[in-house]
Amino acid sequence: MLLALFIAGGSPAALALNPTLWGYGVRSCSDYEQASAAAESGSPAEYQRYQDWVAGFVSGLNLAVDEDVLSGSGIETLMRRTLSHCKAHPSDDFFTATMNLIRQLSSLR
């Protein structure tokens, strides 16, 4: 149900039952911006956690929909574009920012 909600355009906040959610997707865009800045300053550990979350999320979506949802773009491209989205929409969560870009690159709507 959770994957179907995400693909359909929902967000973690839209879940009526408020299940426990795991991972960096529920963190804010401003948290991601801070992690990215820290990585550029030589402290990449927190940024790597976001990248690992994205890799797992994208892998799960690829398996679920039998499609390369990044259309060959790669995780680093998604990370950079998500950062741009987050700078423009700091109140979004990391999942929403990531999923908006995945929708642009794939057939998921």
PDB file of N, CA and C in Angstrom:
ATOM      1  N   MET A   1       0.824  -1.189   0.000  1.00  0.00           N
ATOM      2  CA  MET A   1       0.000   0.000   0.000  1.00  0.00           C
ATOM      3  C   MET A   1       0.871   1.256   0.000  1.00  0.00           C
ATOM      4  N   LEU A   2       1.924   1.256   0.768  1.00  0.00           N
ATOM      5  CA  LEU A   2       2.789   2.423   0.857  1.00  0.00           C
ATOM      6  C   LEU A   2       3.418   2.744  -0.494  1.00  0.00           C
ATOM      7  N   LEU A   3       3.930   1.728  -1.198  1.00  0.00           N
ATOM      8  CA  LEU A   3       4.534   1.960  -2.502  1.00  0.00           C
ATOM      9  C   LEU A   3       3.500   2.497  -3.476  1.00  0.00           C
ATOM     10  N   ALA A   4       2.296   1.942  -3.451  1.00  0.00           N
ATOM     11  CA  ALA A   4       1.238   2.419  -4.338  1.00  0.00           C
ATOM     12  C   ALA A   4       0.901   3.877  -4.052  1.00  0.00           C
ATOM     13  N   LEU A   5       0.877   4.267  -2.787  1.00  0.00           N
ATOM     14  CA  LEU A   5       0.595   5.653  -2.434  1.00  0.00           C
ATOM     15  C   LEU A   5       1.691   6.568  -2.959  1.00  0.00           C
ATOM     16  N   PHE A   6       2.948   6.172  -2.800  1.00  0.00           N
ATOM     17  CA  PHE A   6       4.064   6.989  -3.270  1.00  0.00           C
ATOM     18  C   PHE A   6       4.007   7.159  -4.778  1.00  0.00           C
ATOM     19  N   ILE A   7       3.776   6.073  -5.489  1.00  0.00           N
ATOM     20  CA  ILE A   7       3.727   6.136  -6.945  1.00  0.00           C
ATOM     21  C   ILE A   7       2.553   6.990  -7.395  1.00  0.00           C
ATOM     22  N   ALA A   8       1.462   6.916  -6.673  1.00  0.00           N
ATOM     23  CA  ALA A   8       0.272   7.681  -7.030  1.00  0.00           C
ATOM     24  C   ALA A   8       0.413   9.163  -6.717  1.00  0.00           C
ATOM     25  N   GLY A   9       1.469   9.552  -6.038  1.00  0.00           N
ATOM     26  CA  GLY A   9       1.685  10.966  -5.797  1.00  0.00           C
ATOM     27  C   GLY A   9       1.501  11.386  -4.370  1.00  0.00           C
ATOM     28  N   GLY A  10       1.306  10.446  -3.479  1.00  0.00           N
ATOM     29  CA  GLY A  10       1.139  10.784  -2.072  1.00  0.00           C
ATOM     30  C   GLY A  10       2.466  11.092  -1.423  1.00  0.00           C
ATOM     31  N   SER A  11       2.403  11.475  -0.199  1.00  0.00           N
ATOM     32  CA  SER A  11       3.607  11.711   0.578  1.00  0.00           C
ATOM     33  C   SER A  11       3.424  11.055   1.934  1.00  0.00           C
ATOM     34  N   PRO A  12       4.499  10.890   2.692  1.00  0.00           N
ATOM     35  CA  PRO A  12       4.354  10.287   4.005  1.00  0.00           C
ATOM     36  C   PRO A  12       3.306  10.980   4.869  1.00  0.00           C
ATOM     37  N   ALA A  13       3.187  12.284   4.745  1.00  0.00           N
ATOM     38  CA  ALA A  13       2.222  13.028   5.550  1.00  0.00           C
ATOM     39  C   ALA A  13       0.779  12.712   5.159  1.00  0.00           C
ATOM     40  N   ALA A  14       0.576  12.183   3.961  1.00  0.00           N
ATOM     41  CA  ALA A  14      -0.770  11.912   3.481  1.00  0.00           C
ATOM     42  C   ALA A  14      -1.338  10.596   3.990  1.00  0.00           C
ATOM     43  N   LEU A  15      -0.537   9.796   4.647  1.00  0.00           N
ATOM     44  CA  LEU A  15      -1.015   8.516   5.133  1.00  0.00           C
ATOM     45  C   LEU A  15      -1.957   8.713   6.311  1.00  0.00           C
ATOM     46  N   ALA A  16      -3.165   8.171   6.210  1.00  0.00           N
ATOM     47  CA  ALA A  16      -4.167   8.358   7.251  1.00  0.00           C
ATOM     48  C   ALA A  16      -3.839   7.596   8.530  1.00  0.00           C
ATOM     49  N   LEU A  17      -3.213   6.451   8.419  1.00  0.00           N
ATOM     50  CA  LEU A  17      -2.969   5.612   9.583  1.00  0.00           C
ATOM     51  C   LEU A  17      -1.673   5.973  10.306  1.00  0.00           C
ATOM     52  N   ASN A  18      -0.897   6.854   9.789  1.00  0.00           N
ATOM     53  CA  ASN A  18       0.363   7.273  10.375  1.00  0.00           C
ATOM     54  C   ASN A  18       1.269   6.103  10.772  1.00  0.00           C
ATOM     55  N   PRO A  19       1.569   5.205   9.831  1.00  0.00           N
ATOM     56  CA  PRO A  19       2.466   4.102  10.169  1.00  0.00           C
ATOM     57  C   PRO A  19       3.873   4.629  10.419  1.00  0.00           C
ATOM     58  N   THR A  20       4.670   3.813  11.064  1.00  0.00           N
ATOM     59  CA  THR A  20       6.060   4.182  11.288  1.00  0.00           C
ATOM     60  C   THR A  20       6.782   4.145   9.952  1.00  0.00           C
ATOM     61  N   LEU A  21       7.428   5.224   9.604  1.00  0.00           N
ATOM     62  CA  LEU A  21       8.198   5.300   8.366  1.00  0.00           C
ATOM     63  C   LEU A  21       9.679   5.259   8.712  1.00  0.00           C
ATOM     64  N   TRP A  22      10.465   4.678   7.834  1.00  0.00           N
ATOM     65  CA  TRP A  22      11.887   4.490   8.082  1.00  0.00           C
ATOM     66  C   TRP A  22      12.714   5.206   7.036  1.00  0.00           C
ATOM     67  N   GLY A  23      13.861   5.658   7.443  1.00  0.00           N
ATOM     68  CA  GLY A  23      14.843   6.153   6.496  1.00  0.00           C
ATOM     69  C   GLY A  23      14.868   7.658   6.329  1.00  0.00           C
ATOM     70  N   TYR A  24      15.766   8.047   5.482  1.00  0.00           N
ATOM     71  CA  TYR A  24      16.043   9.458   5.281  1.00  0.00           C
ATOM     72  C   TYR A  24      14.997  10.169   4.432  1.00  0.00           C
ATOM     73  N   GLY A  25      14.096   9.454   3.810  1.00  0.00           N
ATOM     74  CA  GLY A  25      13.061  10.084   3.004  1.00  0.00           C
ATOM     75  C   GLY A  25      12.156  11.007   3.789  1.00  0.00           C
ATOM     76  N   VAL A  26      12.005  10.751   5.080  1.00  0.00           N
ATOM     77  CA  VAL A  26      11.113  11.584   5.882  1.00  0.00           C
ATOM     78  C   VAL A  26      11.814  12.818   6.449  1.00  0.00           C
ATOM     79  N   ARG A  27      13.093  12.953   6.178  1.00  0.00           N
ATOM     80  CA  ARG A  27      13.820  14.139   6.660  1.00  0.00           C
ATOM     81  C   ARG A  27      13.539  15.332   5.754  1.00  0.00           C
ATOM     82  N   SER A  28      13.799  16.512   6.268  1.00  0.00           N
ATOM     83  CA  SER A  28      13.474  17.724   5.525  1.00  0.00           C
ATOM     84  C   SER A  28      14.519  18.042   4.449  1.00  0.00           C
ATOM     85  N   CYS A  29      14.080  18.829   3.491  1.00  0.00           N
ATOM     86  CA  CYS A  29      15.007  19.303   2.468  1.00  0.00           C
ATOM     87  C   CYS A  29      16.126  20.128   3.091  1.00  0.00           C
ATOM     88  N   SER A  30      15.815  20.888   4.120  1.00  0.00           N
ATOM     89  CA  SER A  30      16.870  21.692   4.750  1.00  0.00           C
ATOM     90  C   SER A  30      17.918  20.793   5.407  1.00  0.00           C
ATOM     91  N   ASP A  31      17.496  19.636   5.968  1.00  0.00           N
ATOM     92  CA  ASP A  31      18.464  18.675   6.505  1.00  0.00           C
ATOM     93  C   ASP A  31      19.377  18.166   5.391  1.00  0.00           C
ATOM     94  N   TYR A  32      18.787  17.874   4.236  1.00  0.00           N
ATOM     95  CA  TYR A  32      19.578  17.390   3.103  1.00  0.00           C
ATOM     96  C   TYR A  32      20.555  18.470   2.619  1.00  0.00           C
ATOM     97  N   GLU A  33      20.105  19.695   2.572  1.00  0.00           N
ATOM     98  CA  GLU A  33      20.993  20.785   2.177  1.00  0.00           C
ATOM     99  C   GLU A  33      22.198  20.882   3.113  1.00  0.00           C
ATOM    100  N   GLN A  34      21.962  20.742   4.414  1.00  0.00           N
ATOM    101  CA  GLN A  34      23.055  20.783   5.388  1.00  0.00           C
ATOM    102  C   GLN A  34      24.019  19.619   5.180  1.00  0.00           C
ATOM    103  N   ALA A  35      23.484  18.432   4.912  1.00  0.00           N
ATOM    104  CA  ALA A  35      24.333  17.260   4.681  1.00  0.00           C
ATOM    105  C   ALA A  35      25.174  17.445   3.424  1.00  0.00           C
ATOM    106  N   SER A  36      24.580  18.027   2.401  1.00  0.00           N
ATOM    107  CA  SER A  36      25.313  18.272   1.156  1.00  0.00           C
ATOM    108  C   SER A  36      26.433  19.292   1.373  1.00  0.00           C
ATOM    109  N   ALA A  37      26.139  20.350   2.115  1.00  0.00           N
ATOM    110  CA  ALA A  37      27.160  21.359   2.420  1.00  0.00           C
ATOM    111  C   ALA A  37      28.296  20.758   3.245  1.00  0.00           C
ATOM    112  N   ALA A  38      27.949  19.898   4.193  1.00  0.00           N
ATOM    113  CA  ALA A  38      28.975  19.239   5.015  1.00  0.00           C
ATOM    114  C   ALA A  38      29.855  18.340   4.155  1.00  0.00           C
ATOM    115  N   ALA A  39      29.248  17.659   3.196  1.00  0.00           N
ATOM    116  CA  ALA A  39      30.023  16.792   2.297  1.00  0.00           C
ATOM    117  C   ALA A  39      31.017  17.610   1.481  1.00  0.00           C
ATOM    118  N   GLU A  40      30.587  18.761   1.017  1.00  0.00           N
ATOM    119  CA  GLU A  40      31.478  19.628   0.243  1.00  0.00           C
ATOM    120  C   GLU A  40      32.609  20.178   1.104  1.00  0.00           C
ATOM    121  N   SER A  41      32.385  20.233   2.416  1.00  0.00           N
ATOM    122  CA  SER A  41      33.400  20.734   3.343  1.00  0.00           C
ATOM    123  C   SER A  41      34.286  19.619   3.898  1.00  0.00           C
ATOM    124  N   GLY A  42      34.083  18.399   3.390  1.00  0.00           N
ATOM    125  CA  GLY A  42      34.945  17.304   3.804  1.00  0.00           C
ATOM    126  C   GLY A  42      34.368  16.349   4.811  1.00  0.00           C
ATOM    127  N   SER A  43      33.069  16.467   5.122  1.00  0.00           N
ATOM    128  CA  SER A  43      32.402  15.558   6.065  1.00  0.00           C
ATOM    129  C   SER A  43      31.232  14.876   5.350  1.00  0.00           C
ATOM    130  N   PRO A  44      31.510  13.831   4.562  1.00  0.00           N
ATOM    131  CA  PRO A  44      30.481  13.249   3.703  1.00  0.00           C
ATOM    132  C   PRO A  44      29.585  12.198   4.339  1.00  0.00           C
ATOM    133  N   ALA A  45      29.776  11.853   5.609  1.00  0.00           N
ATOM    134  CA  ALA A  45      29.055  10.719   6.200  1.00  0.00           C
ATOM    135  C   ALA A  45      27.536  10.869   6.116  1.00  0.00           C
ATOM    136  N   GLU A  46      27.013  12.009   6.486  1.00  0.00           N
ATOM    137  CA  GLU A  46      25.558  12.201   6.478  1.00  0.00           C
ATOM    138  C   GLU A  46      25.020  12.218   5.048  1.00  0.00           C
ATOM    139  N   TYR A  47      25.730  12.834   4.144  1.00  0.00           N
ATOM    140  CA  TYR A  47      25.339  12.843   2.730  1.00  0.00           C
ATOM    141  C   TYR A  47      25.287  11.411   2.192  1.00  0.00           C
ATOM    142  N   GLN A  48      26.249  10.596   2.586  1.00  0.00           N
ATOM    143  CA  GLN A  48      26.283   9.200   2.134  1.00  0.00           C
ATOM    144  C   GLN A  48      25.037   8.447   2.584  1.00  0.00           C
ATOM    145  N   ARG A  49      24.539   8.771   3.764  1.00  0.00           N
ATOM    146  CA  ARG A  49      23.308   8.133   4.242  1.00  0.00           C
ATOM    147  C   ARG A  49      22.113   8.486   3.348  1.00  0.00           C
ATOM    148  N   TYR A  50      22.029   9.730   2.908  1.00  0.00           N
ATOM    149  CA  TYR A  50      20.986  10.115   1.962  1.00  0.00           C
ATOM    150  C   TYR A  50      21.166   9.361   0.648  1.00  0.00           C
ATOM    151  N   GLN A  51      22.383   9.290   0.176  1.00  0.00           N
ATOM    152  CA  GLN A  51      22.653   8.598  -1.087  1.00  0.00           C
ATOM    153  C   GLN A  51      22.302   7.109  -0.974  1.00  0.00           C
ATOM    154  N   ASP A  52      22.615   6.500   0.148  1.00  0.00           N
ATOM    155  CA  ASP A  52      22.263   5.098   0.355  1.00  0.00           C
ATOM    156  C   ASP A  52      20.746   4.913   0.372  1.00  0.00           C
ATOM    157  N   TRP A  53      20.027   5.835   1.015  1.00  0.00           N
ATOM    158  CA  TRP A  53      18.566   5.757   1.037  1.00  0.00           C
ATOM    159  C   TRP A  53      18.022   5.850  -0.387  1.00  0.00           C
ATOM    160  N   VAL A  54      18.538   6.806  -1.160  1.00  0.00           N
ATOM    161  CA  VAL A  54      18.078   6.978  -2.540  1.00  0.00           C
ATOM    162  C   VAL A  54      18.354   5.717  -3.356  1.00  0.00           C
ATOM    163  N   ALA A  55      19.534   5.136  -3.206  1.00  0.00           N
ATOM    164  CA  ALA A  55      19.872   3.926  -3.964  1.00  0.00           C
ATOM    165  C   ALA A  55      18.897   2.793  -3.635  1.00  0.00           C
ATOM    166  N   GLY A  56      18.577   2.618  -2.365  1.00  0.00           N
ATOM    167  CA  GLY A  56      17.618   1.588  -1.986  1.00  0.00           C
ATOM    168  C   GLY A  56      16.225   1.887  -2.477  1.00  0.00           C
ATOM    169  N   PHE A  57      15.808   3.131  -2.365  1.00  0.00           N
ATOM    170  CA  PHE A  57      14.476   3.531  -2.808  1.00  0.00           C
ATOM    171  C   PHE A  57      14.317   3.327  -4.311  1.00  0.00           C
ATOM    172  N   VAL A  58      15.299   3.801  -5.080  1.00  0.00           N
ATOM    173  CA  VAL A  58      15.246   3.666  -6.534  1.00  0.00           C
ATOM    174  C   VAL A  58      15.291   2.192  -6.937  1.00  0.00           C
ATOM    175  N   SER A  59      16.123   1.415  -6.273  1.00  0.00           N
ATOM    176  CA  SER A  59      16.189  -0.021  -6.575  1.00  0.00           C
ATOM    177  C   SER A  59      14.836  -0.684  -6.337  1.00  0.00           C
ATOM    178  N   GLY A  60      14.196  -0.349  -5.220  1.00  0.00           N
ATOM    179  CA  GLY A  60      12.876  -0.897  -4.925  1.00  0.00           C
ATOM    180  C   GLY A  60      11.842  -0.499  -5.965  1.00  0.00           C
ATOM    181  N   LEU A  61      11.856   0.767  -6.361  1.00  0.00           N
ATOM    182  CA  LEU A  61      10.923   1.212  -7.403  1.00  0.00           C
ATOM    183  C   LEU A  61      11.199   0.500  -8.722  1.00  0.00           C
ATOM    184  N   ASN A  62      12.471   0.379  -9.094  1.00  0.00           N
ATOM    185  CA  ASN A  62      12.820  -0.306 -10.344  1.00  0.00           C
ATOM    186  C   ASN A  62      12.251  -1.722 -10.353  1.00  0.00           C
ATOM    187  N   LEU A  63      12.406  -2.421  -9.236  1.00  0.00           N
ATOM    188  CA  LEU A  63      11.880  -3.784  -9.144  1.00  0.00           C
ATOM    189  C   LEU A  63      10.361  -3.801  -9.162  1.00  0.00           C
ATOM    190  N   ALA A  64       9.738  -2.869  -8.469  1.00  0.00           N
ATOM    191  CA  ALA A  64       8.281  -2.848  -8.361  1.00  0.00           C
ATOM    192  C   ALA A  64       7.597  -2.530  -9.687  1.00  0.00           C
ATOM    193  N   VAL A  65       8.188  -1.651 -10.472  1.00  0.00           N
ATOM    194  CA  VAL A  65       7.538  -1.223 -11.715  1.00  0.00           C
ATOM    195  C   VAL A  65       8.195  -1.800 -12.959  1.00  0.00           C
ATOM    196  N   ASP A  66       9.252  -2.593 -12.771  1.00  0.00           N
ATOM    197  CA  ASP A  66       9.969  -3.219 -13.884  1.00  0.00           C
ATOM    198  C   ASP A  66      10.399  -2.178 -14.926  1.00  0.00           C
ATOM    199  N   GLU A  67      11.045  -1.134 -14.414  1.00  0.00           N
ATOM    200  CA  GLU A  67      11.485  -0.022 -15.262  1.00  0.00           C
ATOM    201  C   GLU A  67      12.664   0.656 -14.575  1.00  0.00           C
ATOM    202  N   ASP A  68      13.582   1.192 -15.356  1.00  0.00           N
ATOM    203  CA  ASP A  68      14.649   2.026 -14.799  1.00  0.00           C
ATOM    204  C   ASP A  68      14.044   3.409 -14.593  1.00  0.00           C
ATOM    205  N   VAL A  69      13.628   3.709 -13.357  1.00  0.00           N
ATOM    206  CA  VAL A  69      12.912   4.957 -13.103  1.00  0.00           C
ATOM    207  C   VAL A  69      13.797   6.188 -13.264  1.00  0.00           C
ATOM    208  N   LEU A  70      15.092   6.010 -13.331  1.00  0.00           N
ATOM    209  CA  LEU A  70      15.989   7.145 -13.572  1.00  0.00           C
ATOM    210  C   LEU A  70      16.358   7.275 -15.041  1.00  0.00           C
ATOM    211  N   SER A  71      15.835   6.395 -15.866  1.00  0.00           N
ATOM    212  CA  SER A  71      16.100   6.418 -17.308  1.00  0.00           C
ATOM    213  C   SER A  71      17.593   6.517 -17.600  1.00  0.00           C
ATOM    214  N   GLY A  72      18.397   5.795 -16.827  1.00  0.00           N
ATOM    215  CA  GLY A  72      19.838   5.774 -17.050  1.00  0.00           C
ATOM    216  C   GLY A  72      20.589   6.965 -16.504  1.00  0.00           C
ATOM    217  N   SER A  73      19.921   7.868 -15.805  1.00  0.00           N
ATOM    218  CA  SER A  73      20.574   9.083 -15.315  1.00  0.00           C
ATOM    219  C   SER A  73      21.580   8.821 -14.201  1.00  0.00           C
ATOM    220  N   GLY A  74      21.301   7.913 -13.308  1.00  0.00           N
ATOM    221  CA  GLY A  74      22.215   7.600 -12.225  1.00  0.00           C
ATOM    222  C   GLY A  74      21.878   8.318 -10.925  1.00  0.00           C
ATOM    223  N   ILE A  75      22.379   7.753  -9.853  1.00  0.00           N
ATOM    224  CA  ILE A  75      22.095   8.254  -8.509  1.00  0.00           C
ATOM    225  C   ILE A  75      22.699   9.646  -8.287  1.00  0.00           C
ATOM    226  N   GLU A  76      23.926   9.878  -8.729  1.00  0.00           N
ATOM    227  CA  GLU A  76      24.551  11.196  -8.512  1.00  0.00           C
ATOM    228  C   GLU A  76      23.760  12.316  -9.180  1.00  0.00           C
ATOM    229  N   THR A  77      23.257  12.056 -10.366  1.00  0.00           N
ATOM    230  CA  THR A  77      22.426  13.056 -11.050  1.00  0.00           C
ATOM    231  C   THR A  77      21.170  13.336 -10.243  1.00  0.00           C
ATOM    232  N   LEU A  78      20.540  12.275  -9.753  1.00  0.00           N
ATOM    233  CA  LEU A  78      19.343  12.449  -8.926  1.00  0.00           C
ATOM    234  C   LEU A  78      19.660  13.229  -7.657  1.00  0.00           C
ATOM    235  N   MET A  79      20.797  12.941  -7.046  1.00  0.00           N
ATOM    236  CA  MET A  79      21.187  13.656  -5.824  1.00  0.00           C
ATOM    237  C   MET A  79      21.359  15.153  -6.103  1.00  0.00           C
ATOM    238  N   ARG A  80      22.027  15.489  -7.189  1.00  0.00           N
ATOM    239  CA  ARG A  80      22.232  16.906  -7.528  1.00  0.00           C
ATOM    240  C   ARG A  80      20.911  17.609  -7.839  1.00  0.00           C
ATOM    241  N   ARG A  81      20.070  16.942  -8.603  1.00  0.00           N
ATOM    242  CA  ARG A  81      18.791  17.556  -8.963  1.00  0.00           C
ATOM    243  C   ARG A  81      17.866  17.663  -7.753  1.00  0.00           C
ATOM    244  N   THR A  82      17.948  16.690  -6.847  1.00  0.00           N
ATOM    245  CA  THR A  82      17.162  16.768  -5.613  1.00  0.00           C
ATOM    246  C   THR A  82      17.630  17.945  -4.774  1.00  0.00           C
ATOM    247  N   LEU A  83      18.937  18.170  -4.729  1.00  0.00           N
ATOM    248  CA  LEU A  83      19.459  19.325  -3.994  1.00  0.00           C
ATOM    249  C   LEU A  83      18.925  20.625  -4.584  1.00  0.00           C
ATOM    250  N   SER A  84      18.903  20.735  -5.895  1.00  0.00           N
ATOM    251  CA  SER A  84      18.345  21.938  -6.536  1.00  0.00           C
ATOM    252  C   SER A  84      16.876  22.115  -6.171  1.00  0.00           C
ATOM    253  N   HIS A  85      16.121  21.015  -6.192  1.00  0.00           N
ATOM    254  CA  HIS A  85      14.710  21.078  -5.809  1.00  0.00           C
ATOM    255  C   HIS A  85      14.582  21.534  -4.355  1.00  0.00           C
ATOM    256  N   CYS A  86      15.412  20.966  -3.491  1.00  0.00           N
ATOM    257  CA  CYS A  86      15.337  21.296  -2.065  1.00  0.00           C
ATOM    258  C   CYS A  86      15.662  22.767  -1.803  1.00  0.00           C
ATOM    259  N   LYS A  87      16.601  23.311  -2.545  1.00  0.00           N
ATOM    260  CA  LYS A  87      16.931  24.727  -2.373  1.00  0.00           C
ATOM    261  C   LYS A  87      15.745  25.611  -2.765  1.00  0.00           C
ATOM    262  N   ALA A  88      14.996  25.173  -3.762  1.00  0.00           N
ATOM    263  CA  ALA A  88      13.834  25.935  -4.211  1.00  0.00           C
ATOM    264  C   ALA A  88      12.587  25.673  -3.362  1.00  0.00           C
ATOM    265  N   HIS A  89      12.554  24.521  -2.672  1.00  0.00           N
ATOM    266  CA  HIS A  89      11.379  24.116  -1.883  1.00  0.00           C
ATOM    267  C   HIS A  89      11.838  23.588  -0.524  1.00  0.00           C
ATOM    268  N   PRO A  90      12.378  24.434   0.325  1.00  0.00           N
ATOM    269  CA  PRO A  90      12.960  23.953   1.587  1.00  0.00           C
ATOM    270  C   PRO A  90      11.968  23.317   2.555  1.00  0.00           C
ATOM    271  N   SER A  91      10.680  23.533   2.375  1.00  0.00           N
ATOM    272  CA  SER A  91       9.709  22.924   3.287  1.00  0.00           C
ATOM    273  C   SER A  91       9.322  21.497   2.872  1.00  0.00           C
ATOM    274  N   ASP A  92       9.735  21.056   1.682  1.00  0.00           N
ATOM    275  CA  ASP A  92       9.460  19.679   1.258  1.00  0.00           C
ATOM    276  C   ASP A  92      10.294  18.705   2.072  1.00  0.00           C
ATOM    277  N   ASP A  93       9.829  17.462   2.141  1.00  0.00           N
ATOM    278  CA  ASP A  93      10.673  16.427   2.721  1.00  0.00           C
ATOM    279  C   ASP A  93      11.523  15.815   1.599  1.00  0.00           C
ATOM    280  N   PHE A  94      12.535  15.068   1.986  1.00  0.00           N
ATOM    281  CA  PHE A  94      13.474  14.503   1.020  1.00  0.00           C
ATOM    282  C   PHE A  94      12.776  13.523   0.083  1.00  0.00           C
ATOM    283  N   PHE A  95      11.825  12.759   0.588  1.00  0.00           N
ATOM    284  CA  PHE A  95      11.072  11.848  -0.271  1.00  0.00           C
ATOM    285  C   PHE A  95      10.353  12.611  -1.371  1.00  0.00           C
ATOM    286  N   THR A  96       9.616  13.650  -1.008  1.00  0.00           N
ATOM    287  CA  THR A  96       8.845  14.415  -1.986  1.00  0.00           C
ATOM    288  C   THR A  96       9.751  15.002  -3.058  1.00  0.00           C
ATOM    289  N   ALA A  97      10.870  15.563  -2.643  1.00  0.00           N
ATOM    290  CA  ALA A  97      11.824  16.128  -3.606  1.00  0.00           C
ATOM    291  C   ALA A  97      12.351  15.055  -4.554  1.00  0.00           C
ATOM    292  N   THR A  98      12.704  13.908  -3.996  1.00  0.00           N
ATOM    293  CA  THR A  98      13.228  12.815  -4.814  1.00  0.00           C
ATOM    294  C   THR A  98      12.160  12.275  -5.759  1.00  0.00           C
ATOM    295  N   MET A  99      10.968  12.049  -5.240  1.00  0.00           N
ATOM    296  CA  MET A  99       9.903  11.465  -6.045  1.00  0.00           C
ATOM    297  C   MET A  99       9.458  12.399  -7.157  1.00  0.00           C
ATOM    298  N   ASN A 100       9.452  13.704  -6.926  1.00  0.00           N
ATOM    299  CA  ASN A 100       9.098  14.649  -7.995  1.00  0.00           C
ATOM    300  C   ASN A 100      10.037  14.495  -9.181  1.00  0.00           C
ATOM    301  N   LEU A 101      11.318  14.341  -8.911  1.00  0.00           N
ATOM    302  CA  LEU A 101      12.289  14.188  -9.992  1.00  0.00           C
ATOM    303  C   LEU A 101      12.175  12.830 -10.661  1.00  0.00           C
ATOM    304  N   ILE A 102      11.916  11.790  -9.902  1.00  0.00           N
ATOM    305  CA  ILE A 102      11.734  10.464 -10.487  1.00  0.00           C
ATOM    306  C   ILE A 102      10.536  10.476 -11.430  1.00  0.00           C
ATOM    307  N   ARG A 103       9.470  11.161 -11.042  1.00  0.00           N
ATOM    308  CA  ARG A 103       8.300  11.257 -11.929  1.00  0.00           C
ATOM    309  C   ARG A 103       8.660  11.940 -13.243  1.00  0.00           C
ATOM    310  N   GLN A 104       9.521  12.949 -13.190  1.00  0.00           N
ATOM    311  CA  GLN A 104       9.929  13.640 -14.412  1.00  0.00           C
ATOM    312  C   GLN A 104      10.743  12.737 -15.342  1.00  0.00           C
ATOM    313  N   LEU A 105      11.510  11.822 -14.758  1.00  0.00           N
ATOM    314  CA  LEU A 105      12.389  10.962 -15.543  1.00  0.00           C
ATOM    315  C   LEU A 105      11.746   9.663 -16.007  1.00  0.00           C
ATOM    316  N   SER A 106      10.625   9.295 -15.419  1.00  0.00           N
ATOM    317  CA  SER A 106      10.050   7.974 -15.706  1.00  0.00           C
ATOM    318  C   SER A 106       8.612   8.094 -16.154  1.00  0.00           C
ATOM    319  N   SER A 107       8.006   6.928 -16.324  1.00  0.00           N
ATOM    320  CA  SER A 107       6.592   6.898 -16.688  1.00  0.00           C
ATOM    321  C   SER A 107       5.690   6.965 -15.462  1.00  0.00           C
ATOM    322  N   LEU A 108       6.259   7.042 -14.266  1.00  0.00           N
ATOM    323  CA  LEU A 108       5.449   7.123 -13.032  1.00  0.00           C
ATOM    324  C   LEU A 108       4.785   8.487 -12.966  1.00  0.00           C
ATOM    325  N   ARG A 109       3.536   8.503 -12.692  1.00  0.00           N
ATOM    326  CA  ARG A 109       2.807   9.784 -12.590  1.00  0.00           C
ATOM    327  C   ARG A 109       2.028   9.809 -11.351  1.00  0.00           C
TER     328      ARG A 109
END
